[in-house]
Amino acid sequence: PQSTMVSKKQKKQQEGINSRLALVLKSGKVNIGYKETLKSIRSGKAKMVLLANNTPPLRKSEIEYYAMLSKTVVYHYNGNNIDLGSACGKYFRVGIMSIINAGDSDILRASSGKN
């Protein structure tokens, strides 16, 4: 059996991003999904993009490319699409999401340094 060890620092960091994400969903505006995220990046509305760690490589690189062109921050979420969906408080999987308005959260300042 293969066990996956997660360091305390990583776990703490994960909890931090999850709580910030919950605050964004409550007080800000987000787009969930590949098509919606792509639209928001293209229109320049996206402030930040979150990618689950099991996003298909082609899709991931396409989003990263668009984000680079629009100077949008890309955050690689340290969990799969099921974890990201749970962090959003949704009962479905979320692979890619974009933050349009962070609301009361400091997620944009907090995660721009560590990617």
PDB file of N, CA and C in Angstrom:
ATOM      1  N   PRO A   1       0.830  -1.207   0.000  1.00  0.00           N
ATOM      2  CA  PRO A   1       0.000   0.000   0.000  1.00  0.00           C
ATOM      3  C   PRO A   1       0.864   1.258   0.000  1.00  0.00           C
ATOM      4  N   GLN A   2       0.471   2.171  -0.854  1.00  0.00           N
ATOM      5  CA  GLN A   2       1.229   3.411  -0.991  1.00  0.00           C
ATOM      6  C   GLN A   2       0.562   4.508  -0.172  1.00  0.00           C
ATOM      7  N   SER A   3       1.303   5.068   0.760  1.00  0.00           N
ATOM      8  CA  SER A   3       0.734   6.133   1.585  1.00  0.00           C
ATOM      9  C   SER A   3       1.267   7.482   1.125  1.00  0.00           C
ATOM     10  N   THR A   4       0.393   8.461   1.074  1.00  0.00           N
ATOM     11  CA  THR A   4       0.817   9.792   0.674  1.00  0.00           C
ATOM     12  C   THR A   4       0.944  10.667   1.911  1.00  0.00           C
ATOM     13  N   MET A   5       2.173  11.078   2.164  1.00  0.00           N
ATOM     14  CA  MET A   5       2.427  11.920   3.326  1.00  0.00           C
ATOM     15  C   MET A   5       2.350  13.386   2.916  1.00  0.00           C
ATOM     16  N   VAL A   6       1.588  14.130   3.680  1.00  0.00           N
ATOM     17  CA  VAL A   6       1.492  15.561   3.450  1.00  0.00           C
ATOM     18  C   VAL A   6       2.080  16.255   4.668  1.00  0.00           C
ATOM     19  N   SER A   7       3.061  17.129   4.436  1.00  0.00           N
ATOM     20  CA  SER A   7       3.710  17.808   5.551  1.00  0.00           C
ATOM     21  C   SER A   7       2.728  18.742   6.248  1.00  0.00           C
ATOM     22  N   LYS A   8       3.031  19.057   7.505  1.00  0.00           N
ATOM     23  CA  LYS A   8       2.154  19.932   8.286  1.00  0.00           C
ATOM     24  C   LYS A   8       2.038  21.306   7.640  1.00  0.00           C
ATOM     25  N   LYS A   9       3.150  21.772   7.075  1.00  0.00           N
ATOM     26  CA  LYS A   9       3.159  23.090   6.438  1.00  0.00           C
ATOM     27  C   LYS A   9       2.223  23.104   5.222  1.00  0.00           C
ATOM     28  N   GLN A  10       2.293  22.031   4.419  1.00  0.00           N
ATOM     29  CA  GLN A  10       1.428  21.937   3.244  1.00  0.00           C
ATOM     30  C   GLN A  10      -0.038  21.886   3.655  1.00  0.00           C
ATOM     31  N   LYS A  11      -0.318  21.128   4.709  1.00  0.00           N
ATOM     32  CA  LYS A  11      -1.690  20.986   5.187  1.00  0.00           C
ATOM     33  C   LYS A  11      -2.214  22.330   5.677  1.00  0.00           C
ATOM     34  N   LYS A  12      -1.369  23.055   6.395  1.00  0.00           N
ATOM     35  CA  LYS A  12      -1.723  24.380   6.929  1.00  0.00           C
ATOM     36  C   LYS A  12      -1.997  25.341   5.761  1.00  0.00           C
ATOM     37  N   GLN A  13      -1.136  25.273   4.758  1.00  0.00           N
ATOM     38  CA  GLN A  13      -1.270  26.119   3.580  1.00  0.00           C
ATOM     39  C   GLN A  13      -2.582  25.804   2.858  1.00  0.00           C
ATOM     40  N   GLN A  14      -2.892  24.521   2.771  1.00  0.00           N
ATOM     41  CA  GLN A  14      -4.118  24.065   2.115  1.00  0.00           C
ATOM     42  C   GLN A  14      -5.352  24.582   2.847  1.00  0.00           C
ATOM     43  N   GLU A  15      -5.328  24.505   4.181  1.00  0.00           N
ATOM     44  CA  GLU A  15      -6.439  25.007   4.977  1.00  0.00           C
ATOM     45  C   GLU A  15      -6.608  26.502   4.780  1.00  0.00           C
ATOM     46  N   GLY A  16      -5.459  27.204   4.669  1.00  0.00           N
ATOM     47  CA  GLY A  16      -5.477  28.649   4.451  1.00  0.00           C
ATOM     48  C   GLY A  16      -6.165  29.010   3.154  1.00  0.00           C
ATOM     49  N   ILE A  17      -5.788  28.322   2.076  1.00  0.00           N
ATOM     50  CA  ILE A  17      -6.391  28.614   0.771  1.00  0.00           C
ATOM     51  C   ILE A  17      -7.865  28.211   0.773  1.00  0.00           C
ATOM     52  N   ASN A  18      -8.205  27.116   1.461  1.00  0.00           N
ATOM     53  CA  ASN A  18      -9.603  26.678   1.517  1.00  0.00           C
ATOM     54  C   ASN A  18     -10.491  27.683   2.232  1.00  0.00           C
ATOM     55  N   SER A  19      -9.998  28.224   3.352  1.00  0.00           N
ATOM     56  CA  SER A  19     -10.797  29.197   4.091  1.00  0.00           C
ATOM     57  C   SER A  19     -10.935  30.497   3.302  1.00  0.00           C
ATOM     58  N   ARG A  20      -9.862  30.870   2.604  1.00  0.00           N
ATOM     59  CA  ARG A  20      -9.925  32.080   1.768  1.00  0.00           C
ATOM     60  C   ARG A  20     -10.895  31.877   0.606  1.00  0.00           C
ATOM     61  N   LEU A  21     -10.875  30.663   0.066  1.00  0.00           N
ATOM     62  CA  LEU A  21     -11.755  30.317  -1.046  1.00  0.00           C
ATOM     63  C   LEU A  21     -13.220  30.380  -0.610  1.00  0.00           C
ATOM     64  N   ALA A  22     -13.487  29.895   0.597  1.00  0.00           N
ATOM     65  CA  ALA A  22     -14.851  29.937   1.146  1.00  0.00           C
ATOM     66  C   ALA A  22     -15.325  31.382   1.276  1.00  0.00           C
ATOM     67  N   LEU A  23     -14.424  32.258   1.695  1.00  0.00           N
ATOM     68  CA  LEU A  23     -14.766  33.672   1.849  1.00  0.00           C
ATOM     69  C   LEU A  23     -15.032  34.329   0.493  1.00  0.00           C
ATOM     70  N   VAL A  24     -14.245  33.950  -0.515  1.00  0.00           N
ATOM     71  CA  VAL A  24     -14.451  34.469  -1.869  1.00  0.00           C
ATOM     72  C   VAL A  24     -15.834  34.062  -2.375  1.00  0.00           C
ATOM     73  N   LEU A  25     -16.178  32.800  -2.164  1.00  0.00           N
ATOM     74  CA  LEU A  25     -17.468  32.306  -2.640  1.00  0.00           C
ATOM     75  C   LEU A  25     -18.631  32.997  -1.941  1.00  0.00           C
ATOM     76  N   LYS A  26     -18.422  33.382  -0.685  1.00  0.00           N
ATOM     77  CA  LYS A  26     -19.470  34.048   0.073  1.00  0.00           C
ATOM     78  C   LYS A  26     -19.598  35.517  -0.316  1.00  0.00           C
ATOM     79  N   SER A  27     -18.448  36.199  -0.467  1.00  0.00           N
ATOM     80  CA  SER A  27     -18.492  37.648  -0.622  1.00  0.00           C
ATOM     81  C   SER A  27     -18.079  38.155  -2.008  1.00  0.00           C
ATOM     82  N   GLY A  28     -17.480  37.292  -2.821  1.00  0.00           N
ATOM     83  CA  GLY A  28     -16.971  37.728  -4.124  1.00  0.00           C
ATOM     84  C   GLY A  28     -17.717  37.115  -5.287  1.00  0.00           C
ATOM     85  N   LYS A  29     -17.035  37.048  -6.432  1.00  0.00           N
ATOM     86  CA  LYS A  29     -17.630  36.477  -7.640  1.00  0.00           C
ATOM     87  C   LYS A  29     -16.628  35.536  -8.277  1.00  0.00           C
ATOM     88  N   VAL A  30     -17.087  34.317  -8.580  1.00  0.00           N
ATOM     89  CA  VAL A  30     -16.223  33.332  -9.227  1.00  0.00           C
ATOM     90  C   VAL A  30     -16.913  32.723 -10.443  1.00  0.00           C
ATOM     91  N   ASN A  31     -16.106  32.222 -11.351  1.00  0.00           N
ATOM     92  CA  ASN A  31     -16.603  31.431 -12.471  1.00  0.00           C
ATOM     93  C   ASN A  31     -16.044  30.032 -12.315  1.00  0.00           C
ATOM     94  N   ILE A  32     -16.923  29.037 -12.424  1.00  0.00           N
ATOM     95  CA  ILE A  32     -16.494  27.650 -12.283  1.00  0.00           C
ATOM     96  C   ILE A  32     -16.588  26.964 -13.636  1.00  0.00           C
ATOM     97  N   GLY A  33     -15.530  26.257 -13.986  1.00  0.00           N
ATOM     98  CA  GLY A  33     -15.540  25.502 -15.234  1.00  0.00           C
ATOM     99  C   GLY A  33     -14.594  26.070 -16.271  1.00  0.00           C
ATOM    100  N   TYR A  34     -14.239  25.220 -17.204  1.00  0.00           N
ATOM    101  CA  TYR A  34     -13.253  25.545 -18.233  1.00  0.00           C
ATOM    102  C   TYR A  34     -13.728  26.660 -19.165  1.00  0.00           C
ATOM    103  N   LYS A  35     -14.933  26.509 -19.707  1.00  0.00           N
ATOM    104  CA  LYS A  35     -15.434  27.487 -20.675  1.00  0.00           C
ATOM    105  C   LYS A  35     -15.629  28.857 -20.050  1.00  0.00           C
ATOM    106  N   GLU A  36     -16.241  28.880 -18.866  1.00  0.00           N
ATOM    107  CA  GLU A  36     -16.483  30.141 -18.157  1.00  0.00           C
ATOM    108  C   GLU A  36     -15.167  30.824 -17.800  1.00  0.00           C
ATOM    109  N   THR A  37     -14.190  30.029 -17.344  1.00  0.00           N
ATOM    110  CA  THR A  37     -12.887  30.572 -16.974  1.00  0.00           C
ATOM    111  C   THR A  37     -12.188  31.160 -18.196  1.00  0.00           C
ATOM    112  N   LEU A  38     -12.259  30.441 -19.306  1.00  0.00           N
ATOM    113  CA  LEU A  38     -11.641  30.920 -20.541  1.00  0.00           C
ATOM    114  C   LEU A  38     -12.262  32.244 -20.978  1.00  0.00           C
ATOM    115  N   LYS A  39     -13.580  32.337 -20.879  1.00  0.00           N
ATOM    116  CA  LYS A  39     -14.284  33.584 -21.227  1.00  0.00           C
ATOM    117  C   LYS A  39     -13.820  34.733 -20.341  1.00  0.00           C
ATOM    118  N   SER A  40     -13.722  34.461 -19.040  1.00  0.00           N
ATOM    119  CA  SER A  40     -13.343  35.527 -18.103  1.00  0.00           C
ATOM    120  C   SER A  40     -11.889  35.962 -18.297  1.00  0.00           C
ATOM    121  N   ILE A  41     -11.022  35.022 -18.686  1.00  0.00           N
ATOM    122  CA  ILE A  41      -9.620  35.389 -18.959  1.00  0.00           C
ATOM    123  C   ILE A  41      -9.553  36.233 -20.219  1.00  0.00           C
ATOM    124  N   ARG A  42     -10.263  35.793 -21.260  1.00  0.00           N
ATOM    125  CA  ARG A  42     -10.249  36.507 -22.534  1.00  0.00           C
ATOM    126  C   ARG A  42     -10.784  37.927 -22.397  1.00  0.00           C
ATOM    127  N   SER A  43     -11.829  38.084 -21.600  1.00  0.00           N
ATOM    128  CA  SER A  43     -12.419  39.412 -21.427  1.00  0.00           C
ATOM    129  C   SER A  43     -11.642  40.260 -20.418  1.00  0.00           C
ATOM    130  N   GLY A  44     -10.650  39.642 -19.769  1.00  0.00           N
ATOM    131  CA  GLY A  44      -9.804  40.377 -18.829  1.00  0.00           C
ATOM    132  C   GLY A  44     -10.436  40.570 -17.462  1.00  0.00           C
ATOM    133  N   LYS A  45     -11.512  39.839 -17.178  1.00  0.00           N
ATOM    134  CA  LYS A  45     -12.195  39.988 -15.891  1.00  0.00           C
ATOM    135  C   LYS A  45     -11.569  39.141 -14.794  1.00  0.00           C
ATOM    136  N   ALA A  46     -10.905  38.055 -15.177  1.00  0.00           N
ATOM    137  CA  ALA A  46     -10.346  37.133 -14.180  1.00  0.00           C
ATOM    138  C   ALA A  46      -9.151  37.759 -13.471  1.00  0.00           C
ATOM    139  N   LYS A  47      -9.172  37.713 -12.147  1.00  0.00           N
ATOM    140  CA  LYS A  47      -8.052  38.217 -11.343  1.00  0.00           C
ATOM    141  C   LYS A  47      -7.087  37.073 -11.031  1.00  0.00           C
ATOM    142  N   MET A  48      -7.651  35.868 -10.945  1.00  0.00           N
ATOM    143  CA  MET A  48      -6.855  34.702 -10.569  1.00  0.00           C
ATOM    144  C   MET A  48      -7.527  33.442 -11.081  1.00  0.00           C
ATOM    145  N   VAL A  49      -6.722  32.456 -11.446  1.00  0.00           N
ATOM    146  CA  VAL A  49      -7.252  31.171 -11.910  1.00  0.00           C
ATOM    147  C   VAL A  49      -6.721  30.066 -11.011  1.00  0.00           C
ATOM    148  N   LEU A  50      -7.608  29.170 -10.584  1.00  0.00           N
ATOM    149  CA  LEU A  50      -7.195  28.013  -9.788  1.00  0.00           C
ATOM    150  C   LEU A  50      -7.347  26.760 -10.635  1.00  0.00           C
ATOM    151  N   LEU A  51      -6.302  25.931 -10.647  1.00  0.00           N
ATOM    152  CA  LEU A  51      -6.307  24.676 -11.400  1.00  0.00           C
ATOM    153  C   LEU A  51      -6.143  23.507 -10.444  1.00  0.00           C
ATOM    154  N   ALA A  52      -6.993  22.502 -10.569  1.00  0.00           N
ATOM    155  CA  ALA A  52      -6.833  21.287  -9.774  1.00  0.00           C
ATOM    156  C   ALA A  52      -5.623  20.528 -10.304  1.00  0.00           C
ATOM    157  N   ASN A  53      -5.015  19.682  -9.453  1.00  0.00           N
ATOM    158  CA  ASN A  53      -3.781  19.013  -9.887  1.00  0.00           C
ATOM    159  C   ASN A  53      -4.018  17.861 -10.866  1.00  0.00           C
ATOM    160  N   ASN A  54      -5.279  17.498 -11.107  1.00  0.00           N
ATOM    161  CA  ASN A  54      -5.528  16.452 -12.110  1.00  0.00           C
ATOM    162  C   ASN A  54      -6.198  17.010 -13.369  1.00  0.00           C
ATOM    163  N   THR A  55      -5.991  18.307 -13.609  1.00  0.00           N
ATOM    164  CA  THR A  55      -6.470  18.914 -14.850  1.00  0.00           C
ATOM    165  C   THR A  55      -5.646  18.352 -16.005  1.00  0.00           C
ATOM    166  N   PRO A  56      -6.292  17.967 -17.116  1.00  0.00           N
ATOM    167  CA  PRO A  56      -5.533  17.412 -18.243  1.00  0.00           C
ATOM    168  C   PRO A  56      -4.438  18.378 -18.713  1.00  0.00           C
ATOM    169  N   PRO A  57      -3.250  17.854 -19.038  1.00  0.00           N
ATOM    170  CA  PRO A  57      -2.100  18.700 -19.380  1.00  0.00           C
ATOM    171  C   PRO A  57      -2.357  19.713 -20.500  1.00  0.00           C
ATOM    172  N   LEU A  58      -3.060  19.317 -21.537  1.00  0.00           N
ATOM    173  CA  LEU A  58      -3.323  20.220 -22.657  1.00  0.00           C
ATOM    174  C   LEU A  58      -4.201  21.385 -22.207  1.00  0.00           C
ATOM    175  N   ARG A  59      -5.224  21.068 -21.452  1.00  0.00           N
ATOM    176  CA  ARG A  59      -6.155  22.061 -20.932  1.00  0.00           C
ATOM    177  C   ARG A  59      -5.439  23.009 -19.964  1.00  0.00           C
ATOM    178  N   LYS A  60      -4.587  22.425 -19.126  1.00  0.00           N
ATOM    179  CA  LYS A  60      -3.818  23.205 -18.151  1.00  0.00           C
ATOM    180  C   LYS A  60      -2.902  24.186 -18.865  1.00  0.00           C
ATOM    181  N   SER A  61      -2.164  23.696 -19.874  1.00  0.00           N
ATOM    182  CA  SER A  61      -1.224  24.569 -20.582  1.00  0.00           C
ATOM    183  C   SER A  61      -1.960  25.644 -21.375  1.00  0.00           C
ATOM    184  N   GLU A  62      -3.143  25.329 -21.888  1.00  0.00           N
ATOM    185  CA  GLU A  62      -3.932  26.323 -22.621  1.00  0.00           C
ATOM    186  C   GLU A  62      -4.373  27.452 -21.689  1.00  0.00           C
ATOM    187  N   ILE A  63      -4.870  27.081 -20.515  1.00  0.00           N
ATOM    188  CA  ILE A  63      -5.286  28.074 -19.519  1.00  0.00           C
ATOM    189  C   ILE A  63      -4.089  28.902 -19.068  1.00  0.00           C
ATOM    190  N   GLU A  64      -2.954  28.240 -18.818  1.00  0.00           N
ATOM    191  CA  GLU A  64      -1.742  28.950 -18.392  1.00  0.00           C
ATOM    192  C   GLU A  64      -1.281  29.931 -19.454  1.00  0.00           C
ATOM    193  N   TYR A  65      -1.399  29.545 -20.722  1.00  0.00           N
ATOM    194  CA  TYR A  65      -0.991  30.403 -21.826  1.00  0.00           C
ATOM    195  C   TYR A  65      -1.871  31.649 -21.895  1.00  0.00           C
ATOM    196  N   TYR A  66      -3.181  31.458 -21.864  1.00  0.00           N
ATOM    197  CA  TYR A  66      -4.116  32.586 -21.876  1.00  0.00           C
ATOM    198  C   TYR A  66      -3.885  33.493 -20.669  1.00  0.00           C
ATOM    199  N   ALA A  67      -3.652  32.879 -19.517  1.00  0.00           N
ATOM    200  CA  ALA A  67      -3.423  33.640 -18.281  1.00  0.00           C
ATOM    201  C   ALA A  67      -2.139  34.471 -18.391  1.00  0.00           C
ATOM    202  N   MET A  68      -1.120  33.872 -19.010  1.00  0.00           N
ATOM    203  CA  MET A  68       0.138  34.582 -19.188  1.00  0.00           C
ATOM    204  C   MET A  68      -0.060  35.801 -20.094  1.00  0.00           C
ATOM    205  N   LEU A  69      -0.837  35.633 -21.150  1.00  0.00           N
ATOM    206  CA  LEU A  69      -1.098  36.739 -22.065  1.00  0.00           C
ATOM    207  C   LEU A  69      -1.877  37.867 -21.384  1.00  0.00           C
ATOM    208  N   SER A  70      -2.808  37.490 -20.510  1.00  0.00           N
ATOM    209  CA  SER A  70      -3.630  38.504 -19.835  1.00  0.00           C
ATOM    210  C   SER A  70      -3.072  38.909 -18.475  1.00  0.00           C
ATOM    211  N   LYS A  71      -1.874  38.404 -18.146  1.00  0.00           N
ATOM    212  CA  LYS A  71      -1.212  38.683 -16.865  1.00  0.00           C
ATOM    213  C   LYS A  71      -2.102  38.348 -15.668  1.00  0.00           C
ATOM    214  N   THR A  72      -2.737  37.186 -15.741  1.00  0.00           N
ATOM    215  CA  THR A  72      -3.580  36.695 -14.651  1.00  0.00           C
ATOM    216  C   THR A  72      -2.783  35.697 -13.824  1.00  0.00           C
ATOM    217  N   VAL A  73      -2.952  35.746 -12.516  1.00  0.00           N
ATOM    218  CA  VAL A  73      -2.242  34.826 -11.615  1.00  0.00           C
ATOM    219  C   VAL A  73      -2.849  33.439 -11.738  1.00  0.00           C
ATOM    220  N   VAL A  74      -1.998  32.425 -11.876  1.00  0.00           N
ATOM    221  CA  VAL A  74      -2.467  31.036 -11.904  1.00  0.00           C
ATOM    222  C   VAL A  74      -2.013  30.350 -10.625  1.00  0.00           C
ATOM    223  N   TYR A  75      -2.949  29.755  -9.909  1.00  0.00           N
ATOM    224  CA  TYR A  75      -2.621  29.046  -8.674  1.00  0.00           C
ATOM    225  C   TYR A  75      -2.889  27.562  -8.887  1.00  0.00           C
ATOM    226  N   HIS A  76      -1.874  26.737  -8.678  1.00  0.00           N
ATOM    227  CA  HIS A  76      -2.040  25.289  -8.815  1.00  0.00           C
ATOM    228  C   HIS A  76      -2.514  24.747  -7.472  1.00  0.00           C
ATOM    229  N   TYR A  77      -3.791  24.405  -7.431  1.00  0.00           N
ATOM    230  CA  TYR A  77      -4.405  23.918  -6.197  1.00  0.00           C
ATOM    231  C   TYR A  77      -3.823  22.552  -5.839  1.00  0.00           C
ATOM    232  N   ASN A  78      -3.458  22.386  -4.581  1.00  0.00           N
ATOM    233  CA  ASN A  78      -2.790  21.160  -4.152  1.00  0.00           C
ATOM    234  C   ASN A  78      -3.796  20.061  -3.805  1.00  0.00           C
ATOM    235  N   GLY A  79      -4.626  19.723  -4.770  1.00  0.00           N
ATOM    236  CA  GLY A  79      -5.626  18.680  -4.583  1.00  0.00           C
ATOM    237  C   GLY A  79      -6.305  18.432  -5.913  1.00  0.00           C
ATOM    238  N   ASN A  80      -7.030  17.337  -6.021  1.00  0.00           N
ATOM    239  CA  ASN A  80      -7.677  17.041  -7.303  1.00  0.00           C
ATOM    240  C   ASN A  80      -8.998  17.798  -7.441  1.00  0.00           C
ATOM    241  N   ASN A  81      -9.725  17.538  -8.543  1.00  0.00           N
ATOM    242  CA  ASN A  81     -10.948  18.288  -8.812  1.00  0.00           C
ATOM    243  C   ASN A  81     -12.055  18.003  -7.787  1.00  0.00           C
ATOM    244  N   ILE A  82     -12.003  16.843  -7.154  1.00  0.00           N
ATOM    245  CA  ILE A  82     -12.984  16.523  -6.110  1.00  0.00           C
ATOM    246  C   ILE A  82     -12.720  17.401  -4.890  1.00  0.00           C
ATOM    247  N   ASP A  83     -11.430  17.529  -4.518  1.00  0.00           N
ATOM    248  CA  ASP A  83     -11.034  18.373  -3.385  1.00  0.00           C
ATOM    249  C   ASP A  83     -11.395  19.838  -3.628  1.00  0.00           C
ATOM    250  N   LEU A  84     -11.140  20.306  -4.861  1.00  0.00           N
ATOM    251  CA  LEU A  84     -11.437  21.702  -5.194  1.00  0.00           C
ATOM    252  C   LEU A  84     -12.940  21.959  -5.147  1.00  0.00           C
ATOM    253  N   GLY A  85     -13.718  20.996  -5.620  1.00  0.00           N
ATOM    254  CA  GLY A  85     -15.183  21.106  -5.544  1.00  0.00           C
ATOM    255  C   GLY A  85     -15.660  21.180  -4.110  1.00  0.00           C
ATOM    256  N   SER A  86     -15.075  20.347  -3.244  1.00  0.00           N
ATOM    257  CA  SER A  86     -15.429  20.350  -1.821  1.00  0.00           C
ATOM    258  C   SER A  86     -15.039  21.667  -1.167  1.00  0.00           C
ATOM    259  N   ALA A  87     -13.875  22.191  -1.532  1.00  0.00           N
ATOM    260  CA  ALA A  87     -13.404  23.465  -0.985  1.00  0.00           C
ATOM    261  C   ALA A  87     -14.339  24.609  -1.371  1.00  0.00           C
ATOM    262  N   CYS A  88     -14.967  24.468  -2.528  1.00  0.00           N
ATOM    263  CA  CYS A  88     -15.920  25.487  -2.986  1.00  0.00           C
ATOM    264  C   CYS A  88     -17.293  25.299  -2.365  1.00  0.00           C
ATOM    265  N   GLY A  89     -17.455  24.195  -1.640  1.00  0.00           N
ATOM    266  CA  GLY A  89     -18.754  23.900  -1.049  1.00  0.00           C
ATOM    267  C   GLY A  89     -19.758  23.385  -2.069  1.00  0.00           C
ATOM    268  N   LYS A  90     -19.247  22.849  -3.159  1.00  0.00           N
ATOM    269  CA  LYS A  90     -20.116  22.301  -4.208  1.00  0.00           C
ATOM    270  C   LYS A  90     -20.164  20.783  -4.071  1.00  0.00           C
ATOM    271  N   TYR A  91     -21.225  20.209  -4.567  1.00  0.00           N
ATOM    272  CA  TYR A  91     -21.353  18.759  -4.523  1.00  0.00           C
ATOM    273  C   TYR A  91     -20.980  18.131  -5.857  1.00  0.00           C
ATOM    274  N   PHE A  92     -20.156  18.838  -6.609  1.00  0.00           N
ATOM    275  CA  PHE A  92     -19.657  18.298  -7.872  1.00  0.00           C
ATOM    276  C   PHE A  92     -18.178  18.648  -8.001  1.00  0.00           C
ATOM    277  N   ARG A  93     -17.528  18.036  -8.985  1.00  0.00           N
ATOM    278  CA  ARG A  93     -16.091  18.252  -9.173  1.00  0.00           C
ATOM    279  C   ARG A  93     -15.844  19.593  -9.868  1.00  0.00           C
ATOM    280  N   VAL A  94     -14.802  20.263  -9.444  1.00  0.00           N
ATOM    281  CA  VAL A  94     -14.414  21.537 -10.053  1.00  0.00           C
ATOM    282  C   VAL A  94     -12.942  21.435 -10.434  1.00  0.00           C
ATOM    283  N   GLY A  95     -12.663  21.438 -11.731  1.00  0.00           N
ATOM    284  CA  GLY A  95     -11.285  21.315 -12.188  1.00  0.00           C
ATOM    285  C   GLY A  95     -10.589  22.651 -12.343  1.00  0.00           C
ATOM    286  N   ILE A  96     -11.344  23.630 -12.862  1.00  0.00           N
ATOM    287  CA  ILE A  96     -10.784  24.954 -13.118  1.00  0.00           C
ATOM    288  C   ILE A  96     -11.793  25.999 -12.654  1.00  0.00           C
ATOM    289  N   MET A  97     -11.288  27.020 -11.986  1.00  0.00           N
ATOM    290  CA  MET A  97     -12.172  28.127 -11.621  1.00  0.00           C
ATOM    291  C   MET A  97     -11.412  29.440 -11.675  1.00  0.00           C
ATOM    292  N   SER A  98     -12.138  30.514 -11.926  1.00  0.00           N
ATOM    293  CA  SER A  98     -11.499  31.826 -11.946  1.00  0.00           C
ATOM    294  C   SER A  98     -12.186  32.737 -10.935  1.00  0.00           C
ATOM    295  N   ILE A  99     -11.389  33.594 -10.322  1.00  0.00           N
ATOM    296  CA  ILE A  99     -11.913  34.562  -9.369  1.00  0.00           C
ATOM    297  C   ILE A  99     -12.036  35.896 -10.092  1.00  0.00           C
ATOM    298  N   ILE A 100     -13.267  36.403 -10.151  1.00  0.00           N
ATOM    299  CA  ILE A 100     -13.540  37.671 -10.824  1.00  0.00           C
ATOM    300  C   ILE A 100     -13.393  38.813  -9.826  1.00  0.00           C
ATOM    301  N   ASN A 101     -13.970  38.601  -8.643  1.00  0.00           N
ATOM    302  CA  ASN A 101     -13.918  39.600  -7.578  1.00  0.00           C
ATOM    303  C   ASN A 101     -13.673  38.864  -6.274  1.00  0.00           C
ATOM    304  N   ALA A 102     -12.611  39.206  -5.582  1.00  0.00           N
ATOM    305  CA  ALA A 102     -12.235  38.474  -4.372  1.00  0.00           C
ATOM    306  C   ALA A 102     -13.116  38.807  -3.170  1.00  0.00           C
ATOM    307  N   GLY A 103     -13.888  39.874  -3.244  1.00  0.00           N
ATOM    308  CA  GLY A 103     -14.753  40.239  -2.123  1.00  0.00           C
ATOM    309  C   GLY A 103     -13.932  40.637  -0.911  1.00  0.00           C
ATOM    310  N   ASP A 104     -14.245  40.086   0.259  1.00  0.00           N
ATOM    311  CA  ASP A 104     -13.542  40.428   1.505  1.00  0.00           C
ATOM    312  C   ASP A 104     -12.256  39.629   1.695  1.00  0.00           C
ATOM    313  N   SER A 105     -11.999  38.674   0.815  1.00  0.00           N
ATOM    314  CA  SER A 105     -10.863  37.770   0.993  1.00  0.00           C
ATOM    315  C   SER A 105      -9.552  38.391   0.515  1.00  0.00           C
ATOM    316  N   ASP A 106      -8.448  37.938   1.125  1.00  0.00           N
ATOM    317  CA  ASP A 106      -7.121  38.403   0.699  1.00  0.00           C
ATOM    318  C   ASP A 106      -6.419  37.322  -0.126  1.00  0.00           C
ATOM    319  N   ILE A 107      -7.191  36.504  -0.799  1.00  0.00           N
ATOM    320  CA  ILE A 107      -6.656  35.355  -1.556  1.00  0.00           C
ATOM    321  C   ILE A 107      -5.693  35.802  -2.659  1.00  0.00           C
ATOM    322  N   LEU A 108      -5.955  36.938  -3.281  1.00  0.00           N
ATOM    323  CA  LEU A 108      -5.094  37.400  -4.379  1.00  0.00           C
ATOM    324  C   LEU A 108      -3.716  37.799  -3.867  1.00  0.00           C
ATOM    325  N   ARG A 109      -3.670  38.474  -2.725  1.00  0.00           N
ATOM    326  CA  ARG A 109      -2.372  38.865  -2.144  1.00  0.00           C
ATOM    327  C   ARG A 109      -1.656  37.652  -1.567  1.00  0.00           C
ATOM    328  N   ALA A 110      -2.404  36.792  -0.888  1.00  0.00           N
ATOM    329  CA  ALA A 110      -1.814  35.670  -0.170  1.00  0.00           C
ATOM    330  C   ALA A 110      -1.187  34.625  -1.093  1.00  0.00           C
ATOM    331  N   SER A 111      -1.844  34.315  -2.188  1.00  0.00           N
ATOM    332  CA  SER A 111      -1.358  33.213  -3.023  1.00  0.00           C
ATOM    333  C   SER A 111      -0.546  33.660  -4.225  1.00  0.00           C
ATOM    334  N   SER A 112      -0.414  34.956  -4.458  1.00  0.00           N
ATOM    335  CA  SER A 112       0.373  35.401  -5.600  1.00  0.00           C
ATOM    336  C   SER A 112       1.869  35.127  -5.396  1.00  0.00           C
ATOM    337  N   GLY A 113       2.314  35.116  -4.140  1.00  0.00           N
ATOM    338  CA  GLY A 113       3.715  34.856  -3.837  1.00  0.00           C
ATOM    339  C   GLY A 113       4.091  33.409  -4.000  1.00  0.00           C
ATOM    340  N   LYS A 114       3.259  32.520  -3.479  1.00  0.00           N
ATOM    341  CA  LYS A 114       3.583  31.086  -3.555  1.00  0.00           C
ATOM    342  C   LYS A 114       2.717  30.400  -4.588  1.00  0.00           C
ATOM    343  N   ASN A 115       3.364  29.805  -5.567  1.00  0.00           N
ATOM    344  CA  ASN A 115       2.625  29.170  -6.648  1.00  0.00           C
ATOM    345  C   ASN A 115       2.913  27.693  -6.701  1.00  0.00           C
TER     346      ASN A 115
END
